[in-house]
């Protein structure tokens, strides 16, 4: 696709843009890391790859590190992207929670949804009850499972842990746009992706679930698969496709 990508600073965070004519689509990219922290700049390498592979502009949104302020910041960034034309959303770890929460909020408000969404190793349940948090704790070197509850509590604050905008796994998933989810079979957040994909599919959402054997394999394949998914669903002709069919790929 695009051969060169440059980065521009903007009011909502840095944006990776392919050189040449203005991209017809924008991807709102929500960063995240194992510490539930990080910065938009940390997401720029992945954003550059995604922009190069799709030919789309990729905005790495900045947001505050507590809920619900983080979702308000993401919502404002989304309105900025949507105001420029068709847009999709992608999020990793905490960014995945925010991306899914944004989908629920937009649907409940009756607002136009993103063309599609990509969730990468998303943290979707702040109750932290998933079995994989224990079963994969020793195998997952990307997340400190012992400190995760402390960091999650600091982010959630006084919000009830099952609030769907905080923990989208506990929400009504009907009417969401097409979803692609990525996770490694050895990671502590595996069950969040599995459960969300299953519930979304039962709700009539088009789902593409990618489970990679480990985090290294995920890093190698994730951007390419996400780019293919975005190119497929971001075409205007795809917007009218019925969302009843689901694709579950392990």
Protein backbone atom coordinates (compact mmCIF):
# COMPACT_ATOMS: atom_id res chain seq x y z
CA UNK A 1 0.00 0.00 0.00
CA UNK A 2 1.60 3.31 1.08
CA UNK A 3 5.39 3.42 0.69
CA UNK A 4 6.07 6.38 3.00
CA UNK A 5 4.37 7.50 6.21
CA UNK A 6 4.95 10.70 8.12
CA UNK A 7 3.79 11.74 11.61
CA UNK A 8 1.96 14.95 12.42
CA UNK A 9 1.11 16.26 15.88
CA UNK A 10 -2.50 17.26 16.42
CA UNK A 11 -4.90 18.33 19.17
CA UNK A 12 -5.85 14.72 19.97
CA UNK A 13 -2.46 13.08 19.59
CA UNK A 14 0.10 12.19 16.91
CA UNK A 15 -1.17 10.92 13.58
CA UNK A 16 0.59 8.62 11.12
CA UNK A 17 -0.35 9.65 7.59
CA UNK A 18 0.60 8.05 4.28
CA UNK A 19 2.24 10.43 1.85
CA UNK A 20 0.19 11.51 -1.13
CA UNK A 21 -3.51 12.41 -1.36
CA UNK A 22 -5.47 12.56 1.87
CA UNK A 23 -6.46 9.08 3.04
CA UNK A 24 -10.11 8.20 2.54
CA UNK A 25 -10.33 6.55 5.96
CA UNK A 26 -9.08 7.28 9.46
CA UNK A 27 -8.31 4.71 12.15
CA UNK A 28 -8.58 5.88 15.75
CA UNK A 29 -5.84 3.91 17.53
CA UNK A 30 -6.03 3.61 21.32
CA UNK A 31 -2.75 2.61 22.90
CA UNK A 32 -2.31 0.41 25.93
CA UNK A 33 0.45 -1.46 27.68
CA UNK A 34 0.75 -4.09 30.43
CA UNK A 35 0.91 -1.35 33.08
CA UNK A 36 -2.34 0.31 31.92
CA UNK A 37 -0.25 3.37 31.20
CA UNK A 38 1.90 4.29 28.20
CA UNK A 39 1.62 7.23 25.84
CA UNK A 40 0.35 7.79 22.30
CA UNK A 41 3.97 7.92 21.18
CA UNK A 42 4.39 4.30 22.32
CA UNK A 43 1.78 3.33 19.73
CA UNK A 44 3.47 5.10 16.82
CA UNK A 45 5.49 2.10 15.55
CA UNK A 46 2.31 0.03 15.23
CA UNK A 47 0.43 3.02 13.84
CA UNK A 48 3.07 3.55 11.15
CA UNK A 49 2.86 -0.11 10.15
CA UNK A 50 -0.92 0.04 10.02
CA UNK A 51 -0.92 3.25 7.99
CA UNK A 52 1.59 1.78 5.55
CA UNK A 53 -0.36 -1.46 5.19
CA UNK A 54 -3.78 0.15 4.72
CA UNK A 55 -3.11 3.54 3.18
CA UNK A 56 -5.27 5.07 5.94
CA UNK A 57 -4.41 7.77 8.45
CA UNK A 58 -3.97 6.43 11.98
CA UNK A 59 -4.56 8.80 14.89
CA UNK A 60 -2.97 7.73 18.18
CA UNK A 61 -5.31 9.37 20.68
CA UNK A 62 -4.10 10.72 23.99
CA UNK A 63 -6.34 10.09 27.00
CA UNK A 64 -6.27 10.47 30.76
CA UNK A 65 -5.40 7.50 32.97
CA UNK A 66 -8.64 7.16 34.88
CA UNK A 67 -12.24 6.28 34.13
CA UNK A 68 -14.57 7.83 32.99
CA UNK A 69 -12.32 10.71 31.91
CA UNK A 70 -10.41 8.38 29.58
CA UNK A 71 -13.58 7.46 27.72
CA UNK A 72 -14.57 11.13 27.42
CA UNK A 73 -11.19 11.87 25.81
CA UNK A 74 -11.58 8.94 23.43
CA UNK A 75 -15.11 10.05 22.53
CA UNK A 76 -13.84 13.54 21.66
CA UNK A 77 -11.06 12.05 19.51
CA UNK A 78 -13.62 9.85 17.77
CA UNK A 79 -15.84 12.82 16.94
CA UNK A 80 -12.79 14.53 15.45
CA UNK A 81 -12.03 11.49 13.28
CA UNK A 82 -15.65 10.95 12.26
CA UNK A 83 -15.98 14.61 11.31
CA UNK A 84 -13.36 14.05 8.61
CA UNK A 85 -15.18 11.11 7.02
CA UNK A 86 -15.44 7.33 7.44
CA UNK A 87 -13.44 5.95 10.35
CA UNK A 88 -12.67 2.76 12.24
CA UNK A 89 -11.28 2.15 15.72
CA UNK A 90 -8.53 -0.10 17.09
CA UNK A 91 -7.31 -0.60 20.63
CA UNK A 92 -4.75 -2.62 22.55
CA UNK A 93 -5.08 -3.82 26.17
CA UNK A 94 -6.60 -0.85 28.05
CA UNK A 95 -7.13 0.79 24.67
CA UNK A 96 -9.17 -2.27 23.72
CA UNK A 97 -11.46 -1.66 26.70
CA UNK A 98 -11.87 1.96 25.62
CA UNK A 99 -12.52 1.01 22.00
CA UNK A 100 -15.22 -1.46 23.03
CA UNK A 101 -16.70 1.01 25.50
CA UNK A 102 -16.83 3.60 22.74
CA UNK A 103 -18.76 1.17 20.52
CA UNK A 104 -21.35 0.62 23.26
CA UNK A 105 -21.73 4.32 23.96
CA UNK A 106 -22.15 5.23 20.29
CA UNK A 107 -24.73 2.48 19.81
CA UNK A 108 -26.71 3.55 22.88
CA UNK A 109 -26.70 7.15 21.66
CA UNK A 110 -27.89 6.13 18.20
CA UNK A 111 -24.75 7.64 16.68
CA UNK A 112 -23.14 6.28 13.48
CA UNK A 113 -20.75 3.44 14.43
CA UNK A 114 -17.19 2.94 13.24
CA UNK A 115 -16.81 0.97 10.02
CA UNK A 116 -15.31 -1.82 12.15
CA UNK A 117 -13.14 -2.33 15.22
CA UNK A 118 -9.95 -4.26 16.01
CA UNK A 119 -9.29 -5.26 19.64
CA UNK A 120 -5.79 -6.52 20.46
CA UNK A 121 -5.23 -8.37 23.75
CA UNK A 122 -8.08 -6.29 25.19
CA UNK A 123 -8.82 -5.94 28.89
CA UNK A 124 -12.61 -6.20 28.78
CA UNK A 125 -13.56 -7.27 32.31
CA UNK A 126 -12.38 -5.21 35.26
CA UNK A 127 -13.77 -7.74 37.73
CA UNK A 128 -10.62 -9.70 36.84
CA UNK A 129 -12.38 -13.03 37.34
CA UNK A 130 -11.09 -14.74 34.18
CA UNK A 131 -9.38 -18.11 34.77
CA UNK A 132 -6.59 -17.22 32.33
CA UNK A 133 -5.38 -14.55 34.77
CA UNK A 134 -4.19 -17.43 36.97
CA UNK A 135 -3.61 -20.20 34.43
CA UNK A 136 -1.37 -18.10 32.18
CA UNK A 137 0.32 -15.95 34.84
CA UNK A 138 3.57 -17.89 34.67
CA UNK A 139 3.64 -18.09 30.87
CA UNK A 140 2.78 -14.45 30.13
CA UNK A 141 5.87 -12.29 30.48
CA UNK A 142 4.16 -9.21 29.05
CA UNK A 143 1.84 -8.61 32.02
CA UNK A 144 2.50 -8.70 35.76
CA UNK A 145 -0.62 -10.50 36.93
CA UNK A 146 0.13 -9.65 40.57
CA UNK A 147 0.11 -5.88 40.08
CA UNK A 148 -2.71 -5.85 37.52
CA UNK A 149 -5.48 -5.66 40.19
CA UNK A 150 -3.84 -2.62 41.78
CA UNK A 151 -3.46 -0.81 38.48
CA UNK A 152 -6.97 -1.75 37.39
CA UNK A 153 -8.40 -0.42 40.65
CA UNK A 154 -6.54 2.86 40.24
CA UNK A 155 -7.95 3.27 36.75
CA UNK A 156 -11.53 2.23 37.60
CA UNK A 157 -11.77 4.35 40.75
CA UNK A 158 -15.27 4.33 42.23
CA UNK A 159 -16.93 3.02 39.06
CA UNK A 160 -18.80 -0.25 39.57
CA UNK A 161 -16.64 -2.96 37.99
CA UNK A 162 -19.46 -4.43 35.89
CA UNK A 163 -20.36 -1.08 34.33
CA UNK A 164 -20.44 -1.95 30.61
CA UNK A 165 -18.60 1.21 29.58
CA UNK A 166 -15.74 0.18 31.87
CA UNK A 167 -16.07 -3.60 31.40
CA UNK A 168 -17.64 -4.08 27.95
CA UNK A 169 -17.79 -7.85 28.44
CA UNK A 170 -20.75 -7.22 30.78
CA UNK A 171 -22.65 -5.11 28.25
CA UNK A 172 -25.31 -5.84 25.65
CA UNK A 173 -23.30 -6.48 22.48
CA UNK A 174 -26.14 -6.38 19.95
CA UNK A 175 -25.77 -3.96 17.08
CA UNK A 176 -21.99 -3.56 17.14
CA UNK A 177 -19.98 -3.17 13.92
CA UNK A 178 -17.75 -6.01 12.66
CA UNK A 179 -15.03 -6.97 15.14
CA UNK A 180 -11.61 -8.53 14.89
CA UNK A 181 -10.01 -9.73 18.13
CA UNK A 182 -6.42 -10.82 18.70
CA UNK A 183 -4.94 -12.65 21.69
CA UNK A 184 -2.11 -15.04 22.46
CA UNK A 185 -2.96 -18.46 23.82
CA UNK A 186 -0.40 -17.93 26.58
CA UNK A 187 -1.53 -14.51 27.81
CA UNK A 188 -3.45 -13.64 30.95
CA UNK A 189 -6.10 -11.67 29.02
CA UNK A 190 -6.93 -14.59 26.71
CA UNK A 191 -10.31 -15.29 28.30
CA UNK A 192 -11.45 -11.68 27.87
CA UNK A 193 -11.02 -11.96 24.10
CA UNK A 194 -12.59 -15.43 23.94
CA UNK A 195 -15.63 -14.49 26.00
CA UNK A 196 -16.22 -11.20 24.18
CA UNK A 197 -15.95 -12.84 20.76
CA UNK A 198 -18.39 -15.57 21.78
CA UNK A 199 -20.95 -13.15 23.23
CA UNK A 200 -20.66 -10.83 20.24
CA UNK A 201 -21.17 -13.73 17.81
CA UNK A 202 -24.25 -14.86 19.75
CA UNK A 203 -25.50 -11.27 19.41
CA UNK A 204 -25.31 -11.38 15.61
CA UNK A 205 -22.06 -9.42 15.26
CA UNK A 206 -19.58 -10.34 12.53
CA UNK A 207 -16.52 -11.61 14.43
CA UNK A 208 -13.03 -12.55 13.29
CA UNK A 209 -11.16 -14.11 16.24
CA UNK A 210 -7.41 -14.68 15.93
CA UNK A 211 -5.73 -16.71 18.67
CA UNK A 212 -1.94 -16.81 18.24
CA UNK A 213 0.27 -19.44 19.84
CA UNK A 214 2.26 -16.86 21.81
CA UNK A 215 2.98 -13.13 22.01
CA UNK A 216 5.84 -13.35 19.49
CA UNK A 217 3.59 -14.91 16.88
CA UNK A 218 0.94 -12.31 17.65
CA UNK A 219 3.36 -9.45 17.07
CA UNK A 220 4.40 -10.93 13.73
CA UNK A 221 0.88 -11.42 12.37
CA UNK A 222 -1.35 -8.89 14.12
CA UNK A 223 -0.79 -5.77 12.03
CA UNK A 224 -1.08 -7.60 8.72
CA UNK A 225 -4.32 -9.30 9.77
CA UNK A 226 -5.72 -6.06 11.15
CA UNK A 227 -4.88 -4.20 7.96
CA UNK A 228 -6.63 -6.84 5.85
CA UNK A 229 -9.70 -6.68 8.09
CA UNK A 230 -9.81 -2.88 7.99
CA UNK A 231 -9.48 -2.76 4.21
CA UNK A 232 -12.30 -5.26 3.85
CA UNK A 233 -14.83 -3.55 6.13
CA UNK A 234 -13.89 0.07 5.52
CA UNK A 235 -14.97 -0.05 1.90
CA UNK A 236 -18.22 1.94 1.49
CA UNK A 237 -19.90 -1.02 -0.17
CA UNK A 238 -19.37 -3.06 2.96
CA UNK A 239 -21.35 -0.75 5.17
CA UNK A 240 -24.66 -2.20 4.01
CA UNK A 241 -23.61 -5.83 4.46
CA UNK A 242 -25.75 -7.70 6.98
CA UNK A 243 -23.93 -8.31 10.23
CA UNK A 244 -25.55 -11.61 11.07
CA UNK A 245 -22.79 -13.91 9.79
CA UNK A 246 -19.93 -14.55 12.18
CA UNK A 247 -16.51 -15.93 11.46
CA UNK A 248 -14.71 -17.58 14.37
CA UNK A 249 -11.15 -18.52 13.50
CA UNK A 250 -8.82 -20.11 15.98
